[in-house]
Amino acid sequence: MGSLSIWHWLIVLVIVLLLFGKGKISDVMGDMAKGVKSFKKGLADDDETPVKPAGTTIDHKTPEVVVTEEKTRAS
């Protein structure tokens, strides 16, 4: 009583096809596939390390250190 037979599922399928049409369903599935592919590509791009453009250099200058001596008073 609680389960649906194959005939029930076929009737539901026919109603869905009549409402949305065969072309719209394939368009929706194609858009979903593009979204999943874009999502996977986005995840793969996050894992890669950024590549520096050719011709750029990093200047490794050492900071100047100034040492001063403090004079103490001996009492």
PDB file of N, CA and C in Angstrom:
ATOM      1  N   MET A   1       0.818  -1.182   0.000  1.00  0.00           N
ATOM      2  CA  MET A   1       0.000   0.000   0.000  1.00  0.00           C
ATOM      3  C   MET A   1       0.870   1.258   0.000  1.00  0.00           C
ATOM      4  N   GLY A   2       2.024   1.221   0.650  1.00  0.00           N
ATOM      5  CA  GLY A   2       2.877   2.395   0.768  1.00  0.00           C
ATOM      6  C   GLY A   2       3.825   2.588  -0.405  1.00  0.00           C
ATOM      7  N   SER A   3       4.091   1.540  -1.157  1.00  0.00           N
ATOM      8  CA  SER A   3       5.060   1.681  -2.252  1.00  0.00           C
ATOM      9  C   SER A   3       4.341   1.996  -3.562  1.00  0.00           C
ATOM     10  N   LEU A   4       5.084   2.630  -4.452  1.00  0.00           N
ATOM     11  CA  LEU A   4       4.523   2.975  -5.759  1.00  0.00           C
ATOM     12  C   LEU A   4       4.971   1.943  -6.787  1.00  0.00           C
ATOM     13  N   SER A   5       4.074   1.582  -7.672  1.00  0.00           N
ATOM     14  CA  SER A   5       4.420   0.607  -8.707  1.00  0.00           C
ATOM     15  C   SER A   5       5.091   1.326  -9.879  1.00  0.00           C
ATOM     16  N   ILE A   6       5.516   0.549 -10.844  1.00  0.00           N
ATOM     17  CA  ILE A   6       6.173   1.098 -12.029  1.00  0.00           C
ATOM     18  C   ILE A   6       5.227   2.008 -12.810  1.00  0.00           C
ATOM     19  N   TRP A   7       3.938   1.695 -12.777  1.00  0.00           N
ATOM     20  CA  TRP A   7       2.955   2.509 -13.507  1.00  0.00           C
ATOM     21  C   TRP A   7       2.827   3.904 -12.895  1.00  0.00           C
ATOM     22  N   HIS A   8       2.923   3.977 -11.596  1.00  0.00           N
ATOM     23  CA  HIS A   8       2.869   5.283 -10.937  1.00  0.00           C
ATOM     24  C   HIS A   8       4.064   6.144 -11.362  1.00  0.00           C
ATOM     25  N   TRP A   9       5.239   5.528 -11.380  1.00  0.00           N
ATOM     26  CA  TRP A   9       6.454   6.258 -11.766  1.00  0.00           C
ATOM     27  C   TRP A   9       6.401   6.689 -13.234  1.00  0.00           C
ATOM     28  N   LEU A  10       5.854   5.850 -14.092  1.00  0.00           N
ATOM     29  CA  LEU A  10       5.728   6.215 -15.505  1.00  0.00           C
ATOM     30  C   LEU A  10       4.769   7.397 -15.693  1.00  0.00           C
ATOM     31  N   ILE A  11       3.687   7.405 -14.952  1.00  0.00           N
ATOM     32  CA  ILE A  11       2.731   8.516 -15.035  1.00  0.00           C
ATOM     33  C   ILE A  11       3.380   9.812 -14.545  1.00  0.00           C
ATOM     34  N   VAL A  12       4.130   9.726 -13.457  1.00  0.00           N
ATOM     35  CA  VAL A  12       4.839  10.908 -12.946  1.00  0.00           C
ATOM     36  C   VAL A  12       5.846  11.405 -13.971  1.00  0.00           C
ATOM     37  N   LEU A  13       6.571  10.498 -14.605  1.00  0.00           N
ATOM     38  CA  LEU A  13       7.551  10.863 -15.629  1.00  0.00           C
ATOM     39  C   LEU A  13       6.885  11.553 -16.820  1.00  0.00           C
ATOM     40  N   VAL A  14       5.758  11.033 -17.256  1.00  0.00           N
ATOM     41  CA  VAL A  14       5.030  11.643 -18.377  1.00  0.00           C
ATOM     42  C   VAL A  14       4.560  13.049 -18.005  1.00  0.00           C
ATOM     43  N   ILE A  15       4.066  13.225 -16.794  1.00  0.00           N
ATOM     44  CA  ILE A  15       3.597  14.547 -16.360  1.00  0.00           C
ATOM     45  C   ILE A  15       4.759  15.535 -16.295  1.00  0.00           C
ATOM     46  N   VAL A  16       5.905  15.087 -15.791  1.00  0.00           N
ATOM     47  CA  VAL A  16       7.083  15.960 -15.723  1.00  0.00           C
ATOM     48  C   VAL A  16       7.540  16.340 -17.125  1.00  0.00           C
ATOM     49  N   LEU A  17       7.551  15.388 -18.043  1.00  0.00           N
ATOM     50  CA  LEU A  17       7.949  15.687 -19.419  1.00  0.00           C
ATOM     51  C   LEU A  17       6.978  16.648 -20.092  1.00  0.00           C
ATOM     52  N   LEU A  18       5.694  16.512 -19.795  1.00  0.00           N
ATOM     53  CA  LEU A  18       4.710  17.428 -20.366  1.00  0.00           C
ATOM     54  C   LEU A  18       4.857  18.847 -19.809  1.00  0.00           C
ATOM     55  N   LEU A  19       5.142  18.940 -18.524  1.00  0.00           N
ATOM     56  CA  LEU A  19       5.280  20.259 -17.904  1.00  0.00           C
ATOM     57  C   LEU A  19       6.551  20.986 -18.343  1.00  0.00           C
ATOM     58  N   PHE A  20       7.668  20.292 -18.313  1.00  0.00           N
ATOM     59  CA  PHE A  20       8.956  20.935 -18.576  1.00  0.00           C
ATOM     60  C   PHE A  20       9.446  20.745 -20.007  1.00  0.00           C
ATOM     61  N   GLY A  21       9.042  19.726 -20.651  1.00  0.00           N
ATOM     62  CA  GLY A  21       9.516  19.445 -22.000  1.00  0.00           C
ATOM     63  C   GLY A  21      10.867  18.754 -21.975  1.00  0.00           C
ATOM     64  N   LYS A  22      11.133  18.008 -23.032  1.00  0.00           N
ATOM     65  CA  LYS A  22      12.370  17.235 -23.098  1.00  0.00           C
ATOM     66  C   LYS A  22      13.587  18.150 -23.196  1.00  0.00           C
ATOM     67  N   GLY A  23      13.464  19.247 -23.919  1.00  0.00           N
ATOM     68  CA  GLY A  23      14.596  20.153 -24.111  1.00  0.00           C
ATOM     69  C   GLY A  23      15.009  20.871 -22.847  1.00  0.00           C
ATOM     70  N   LYS A  24      14.035  21.291 -22.038  1.00  0.00           N
ATOM     71  CA  LYS A  24      14.358  22.015 -20.812  1.00  0.00           C
ATOM     72  C   LYS A  24      15.081  21.127 -19.807  1.00  0.00           C
ATOM     73  N   ILE A  25      14.686  19.876 -19.714  1.00  0.00           N
ATOM     74  CA  ILE A  25      15.326  18.965 -18.766  1.00  0.00           C
ATOM     75  C   ILE A  25      16.783  18.744 -19.154  1.00  0.00           C
ATOM     76  N   SER A  26      17.051  18.561 -20.444  1.00  0.00           N
ATOM     77  CA  SER A  26      18.442  18.364 -20.862  1.00  0.00           C
ATOM     78  C   SER A  26      19.256  19.644 -20.676  1.00  0.00           C
ATOM     79  N   ASP A  27      18.616  20.812 -20.860  1.00  0.00           N
ATOM     80  CA  ASP A  27      19.315  22.072 -20.620  1.00  0.00           C
ATOM     81  C   ASP A  27      19.677  22.232 -19.143  1.00  0.00           C
ATOM     82  N   VAL A  28      18.742  21.874 -18.284  1.00  0.00           N
ATOM     83  CA  VAL A  28      18.996  21.978 -16.843  1.00  0.00           C
ATOM     84  C   VAL A  28      20.126  21.039 -16.434  1.00  0.00           C
ATOM     85  N   MET A  29      20.118  19.818 -16.956  1.00  0.00           N
ATOM     86  CA  MET A  29      21.167  18.863 -16.616  1.00  0.00           C
ATOM     87  C   MET A  29      22.525  19.318 -17.167  1.00  0.00           C
ATOM     88  N   GLY A  30      22.522  19.920 -18.354  1.00  0.00           N
ATOM     89  CA  GLY A  30      23.768  20.446 -18.922  1.00  0.00           C
ATOM     90  C   GLY A  30      24.322  21.589 -18.091  1.00  0.00           C
ATOM     91  N   ASP A  31      23.440  22.476 -17.640  1.00  0.00           N
ATOM     92  CA  ASP A  31      23.875  23.576 -16.785  1.00  0.00           C
ATOM     93  C   ASP A  31      24.411  23.068 -15.453  1.00  0.00           C
ATOM     94  N   MET A  32      23.782  22.023 -14.928  1.00  0.00           N
ATOM     95  CA  MET A  32      24.262  21.449 -13.679  1.00  0.00           C
ATOM     96  C   MET A  32      25.651  20.838 -13.860  1.00  0.00           C
ATOM     97  N   ALA A  33      25.869  20.171 -14.978  1.00  0.00           N
ATOM     98  CA  ALA A  33      27.175  19.574 -15.258  1.00  0.00           C
ATOM     99  C   ALA A  33      28.242  20.661 -15.393  1.00  0.00           C
ATOM    100  N   LYS A  34      27.904  21.776 -16.051  1.00  0.00           N
ATOM    101  CA  LYS A  34      28.859  22.881 -16.168  1.00  0.00           C
ATOM    102  C   LYS A  34      29.188  23.457 -14.798  1.00  0.00           C
ATOM    103  N   GLY A  35      28.201  23.556 -13.935  1.00  0.00           N
ATOM    104  CA  GLY A  35      28.431  24.075 -12.592  1.00  0.00           C
ATOM    105  C   GLY A  35      29.350  23.176 -11.781  1.00  0.00           C
ATOM    106  N   VAL A  36      29.135  21.869 -11.888  1.00  0.00           N
ATOM    107  CA  VAL A  36      29.985  20.922 -11.162  1.00  0.00           C
ATOM    108  C   VAL A  36      31.410  20.986 -11.696  1.00  0.00           C
ATOM    109  N   LYS A  37      31.568  21.071 -13.015  1.00  0.00           N
ATOM    110  CA  LYS A  37      32.897  21.160 -13.619  1.00  0.00           C
ATOM    111  C   LYS A  37      33.608  22.436 -13.186  1.00  0.00           C
ATOM    112  N   SER A  38      32.881  23.542 -13.137  1.00  0.00           N
ATOM    113  CA  SER A  38      33.452  24.816 -12.696  1.00  0.00           C
ATOM    114  C   SER A  38      33.852  24.745 -11.232  1.00  0.00           C
ATOM    115  N   PHE A  39      33.042  24.100 -10.410  1.00  0.00           N
ATOM    116  CA  PHE A  39      33.342  23.947  -8.992  1.00  0.00           C
ATOM    117  C   PHE A  39      34.618  23.127  -8.788  1.00  0.00           C
ATOM    118  N   LYS A  40      34.759  22.032  -9.526  1.00  0.00           N
ATOM    119  CA  LYS A  40      35.958  21.201  -9.416  1.00  0.00           C
ATOM    120  C   LYS A  40      37.192  21.961  -9.868  1.00  0.00           C
ATOM    121  N   LYS A  41      37.054  22.752 -10.940  1.00  0.00           N
ATOM    122  CA  LYS A  41      38.177  23.547 -11.426  1.00  0.00           C
ATOM    123  C   LYS A  41      38.575  24.589 -10.387  1.00  0.00           C
ATOM    124  N   GLY A  42      37.591  25.180  -9.732  1.00  0.00           N
ATOM    125  CA  GLY A  42      37.878  26.148  -8.679  1.00  0.00           C
ATOM    126  C   GLY A  42      38.620  25.530  -7.510  1.00  0.00           C
ATOM    127  N   LEU A  43      38.248  24.325  -7.149  1.00  0.00           N
ATOM    128  CA  LEU A  43      38.956  23.641  -6.067  1.00  0.00           C
ATOM    129  C   LEU A  43      40.384  23.308  -6.466  1.00  0.00           C
ATOM    130  N   ALA A  44      40.590  22.910  -7.711  1.00  0.00           N
ATOM    131  CA  ALA A  44      41.930  22.567  -8.180  1.00  0.00           C
ATOM    132  C   ALA A  44      42.802  23.818  -8.260  1.00  0.00           C
ATOM    133  N   ASP A  45      42.236  24.965  -8.610  1.00  0.00           N
ATOM    134  CA  ASP A  45      42.999  26.206  -8.701  1.00  0.00           C
ATOM    135  C   ASP A  45      43.466  26.670  -7.328  1.00  0.00           C
ATOM    136  N   ASP A  46      42.700  26.408  -6.290  1.00  0.00           N
ATOM    137  CA  ASP A  46      43.082  26.820  -4.946  1.00  0.00           C
ATOM    138  C   ASP A  46      44.287  26.045  -4.437  1.00  0.00           C
ATOM    139  N   ASP A  47      44.475  24.823  -4.876  1.00  0.00           N
ATOM    140  CA  ASP A  47      45.575  23.997  -4.400  1.00  0.00           C
ATOM    141  C   ASP A  47      46.910  24.380  -5.020  1.00  0.00           C
ATOM    142  N   GLU A  48      46.898  24.980  -6.189  1.00  0.00           N
ATOM    143  CA  GLU A  48      48.140  25.330  -6.864  1.00  0.00           C
ATOM    144  C   GLU A  48      48.765  26.550  -6.210  1.00  0.00           C
ATOM    145  N   THR A  49      50.120  26.595  -6.210  1.00  0.00           N
ATOM    146  CA  THR A  49      50.811  27.757  -5.683  1.00  0.00           C
ATOM    147  C   THR A  49      50.849  28.828  -6.750  1.00  0.00           C
ATOM    148  N   PRO A  50      50.756  30.081  -6.377  1.00  0.00           N
ATOM    149  CA  PRO A  50      50.772  31.138  -7.379  1.00  0.00           C
ATOM    150  C   PRO A  50      52.129  31.220  -8.070  1.00  0.00           C
ATOM    151  N   VAL A  51      52.090  31.437  -9.354  1.00  0.00           N
ATOM    152  CA  VAL A  51      53.301  31.511 -10.155  1.00  0.00           C
ATOM    153  C   VAL A  51      53.609  32.973 -10.409  1.00  0.00           C
ATOM    154  N   LYS A  52      54.884  33.349 -10.163  1.00  0.00           N
ATOM    155  CA  LYS A  52      55.289  34.727 -10.405  1.00  0.00           C
ATOM    156  C   LYS A  52      55.485  34.936 -11.897  1.00  0.00           C
ATOM    157  N   PRO A  53      55.108  36.089 -12.409  1.00  0.00           N
ATOM    158  CA  PRO A  53      55.359  36.378 -13.819  1.00  0.00           C
ATOM    159  C   PRO A  53      56.860  36.470 -14.090  1.00  0.00           C
ATOM    160  N   ALA A  54      57.252  36.106 -15.283  1.00  0.00           N
ATOM    161  CA  ALA A  54      58.668  36.122 -15.661  1.00  0.00           C
ATOM    162  C   ALA A  54      59.185  37.555 -15.639  1.00  0.00           C
ATOM    163  N   GLY A  55      60.430  37.712 -15.205  1.00  0.00           N
ATOM    164  CA  GLY A  55      61.045  39.023 -15.203  1.00  0.00           C
ATOM    165  C   GLY A  55      60.902  39.761 -13.890  1.00  0.00           C
ATOM    166  N   THR A  56      60.196  39.217 -12.933  1.00  0.00           N
ATOM    167  CA  THR A  56      60.073  39.889 -11.648  1.00  0.00           C
ATOM    168  C   THR A  56      61.102  39.328 -10.691  1.00  0.00           C
ATOM    169  N   THR A  57      61.686  40.206  -9.911  1.00  0.00           N
ATOM    170  CA  THR A  57      62.670  39.776  -8.926  1.00  0.00           C
ATOM    171  C   THR A  57      62.256  40.289  -7.565  1.00  0.00           C
ATOM    172  N   ILE A  58      62.739  39.621  -6.574  1.00  0.00           N
ATOM    173  CA  ILE A  58      62.476  40.036  -5.205  1.00  0.00           C
ATOM    174  C   ILE A  58      63.766  40.617  -4.664  1.00  0.00           C
ATOM    175  N   ASP A  59      63.717  41.827  -4.137  1.00  0.00           N
ATOM    176  CA  ASP A  59      64.883  42.495  -3.596  1.00  0.00           C
ATOM    177  C   ASP A  59      65.036  42.106  -2.132  1.00  0.00           C
ATOM    178  N   HIS A  60      66.120  41.399  -1.828  1.00  0.00           N
ATOM    179  CA  HIS A  60      66.371  40.949  -0.460  1.00  0.00           C
ATOM    180  C   HIS A  60      67.376  41.875   0.197  1.00  0.00           C
ATOM    181  N   LYS A  61      66.943  43.037   0.593  1.00  0.00           N
ATOM    182  CA  LYS A  61      67.830  43.967   1.290  1.00  0.00           C
ATOM    183  C   LYS A  61      67.790  43.645   2.772  1.00  0.00           C
ATOM    184  N   THR A  62      68.957  43.669   3.371  1.00  0.00           N
ATOM    185  CA  THR A  62      69.005  43.458   4.804  1.00  0.00           C
ATOM    186  C   THR A  62      68.791  44.795   5.491  1.00  0.00           C
ATOM    187  N   PRO A  63      68.005  44.811   6.515  1.00  0.00           N
ATOM    188  CA  PRO A  63      67.765  46.080   7.206  1.00  0.00           C
ATOM    189  C   PRO A  63      69.014  46.529   7.951  1.00  0.00           C
ATOM    190  N   GLU A  64      69.214  47.826   8.011  1.00  0.00           N
ATOM    191  CA  GLU A  64      70.355  48.354   8.731  1.00  0.00           C
ATOM    192  C   GLU A  64      70.078  48.263  10.220  1.00  0.00           C
ATOM    193  N   VAL A  65      71.084  47.810  10.945  1.00  0.00           N
ATOM    194  CA  VAL A  65      70.951  47.676  12.383  1.00  0.00           C
ATOM    195  C   VAL A  65      71.863  48.701  13.025  1.00  0.00           C
ATOM    196  N   VAL A  66      71.332  49.515  13.859  1.00  0.00           N
ATOM    197  CA  VAL A  66      72.107  50.536  14.548  1.00  0.00           C
ATOM    198  C   VAL A  66      72.235  50.119  16.000  1.00  0.00           C
ATOM    199  N   VAL A  67      73.473  49.993  16.453  1.00  0.00           N
ATOM    200  CA  VAL A  67      73.738  49.596  17.830  1.00  0.00           C
ATOM    201  C   VAL A  67      74.265  50.818  18.568  1.00  0.00           C
ATOM    202  N   THR A  68      73.640  51.126  19.626  1.00  0.00           N
ATOM    203  CA  THR A  68      74.094  52.246  20.454  1.00  0.00           C
ATOM    204  C   THR A  68      74.514  51.718  21.809  1.00  0.00           C
ATOM    205  N   GLU A  69      75.505  52.370  22.391  1.00  0.00           N
ATOM    206  CA  GLU A  69      75.969  51.978  23.698  1.00  0.00           C
ATOM    207  C   GLU A  69      75.360  52.930  24.712  1.00  0.00           C
ATOM    208  N   GLU A  70      74.886  52.372  25.778  1.00  0.00           N
ATOM    209  CA  GLU A  70      74.352  53.196  26.845  1.00  0.00           C
ATOM    210  C   GLU A  70      75.414  53.406  27.894  1.00  0.00           C
ATOM    211  N   LYS A  71      75.508  54.613  28.307  1.00  0.00           N
ATOM    212  CA  LYS A  71      76.482  54.934  29.369  1.00  0.00           C
ATOM    213  C   LYS A  71      75.770  54.837  30.690  1.00  0.00           C
ATOM    214  N   THR A  72      76.393  54.136  31.609  1.00  0.00           N
ATOM    215  CA  THR A  72      75.821  54.000  32.936  1.00  0.00           C
ATOM    216  C   THR A  72      76.665  54.802  33.906  1.00  0.00           C
ATOM    217  N   ARG A  73      76.063  55.365  34.870  1.00  0.00           N
ATOM    218  CA  ARG A  73      76.769  56.132  35.894  1.00  0.00           C
ATOM    219  C   ARG A  73      77.100  55.188  37.054  1.00  0.00           C
ATOM    220  N   ALA A  74      78.309  55.194  37.394  1.00  0.00           N
ATOM    221  CA  ALA A  74      78.716  54.417  38.570  1.00  0.00           C
ATOM    222  C   ALA A  74      78.709  55.339  39.765  1.00  0.00           C
ATOM    223  N   SER A  75      78.021  54.969  40.825  1.00  0.00           N
ATOM    224  CA  SER A  75      77.956  55.836  42.003  1.00  0.00           C
ATOM    225  C   SER A  75      78.900  55.381  43.060  1.00  0.00           C
TER     226      SER A  75
END
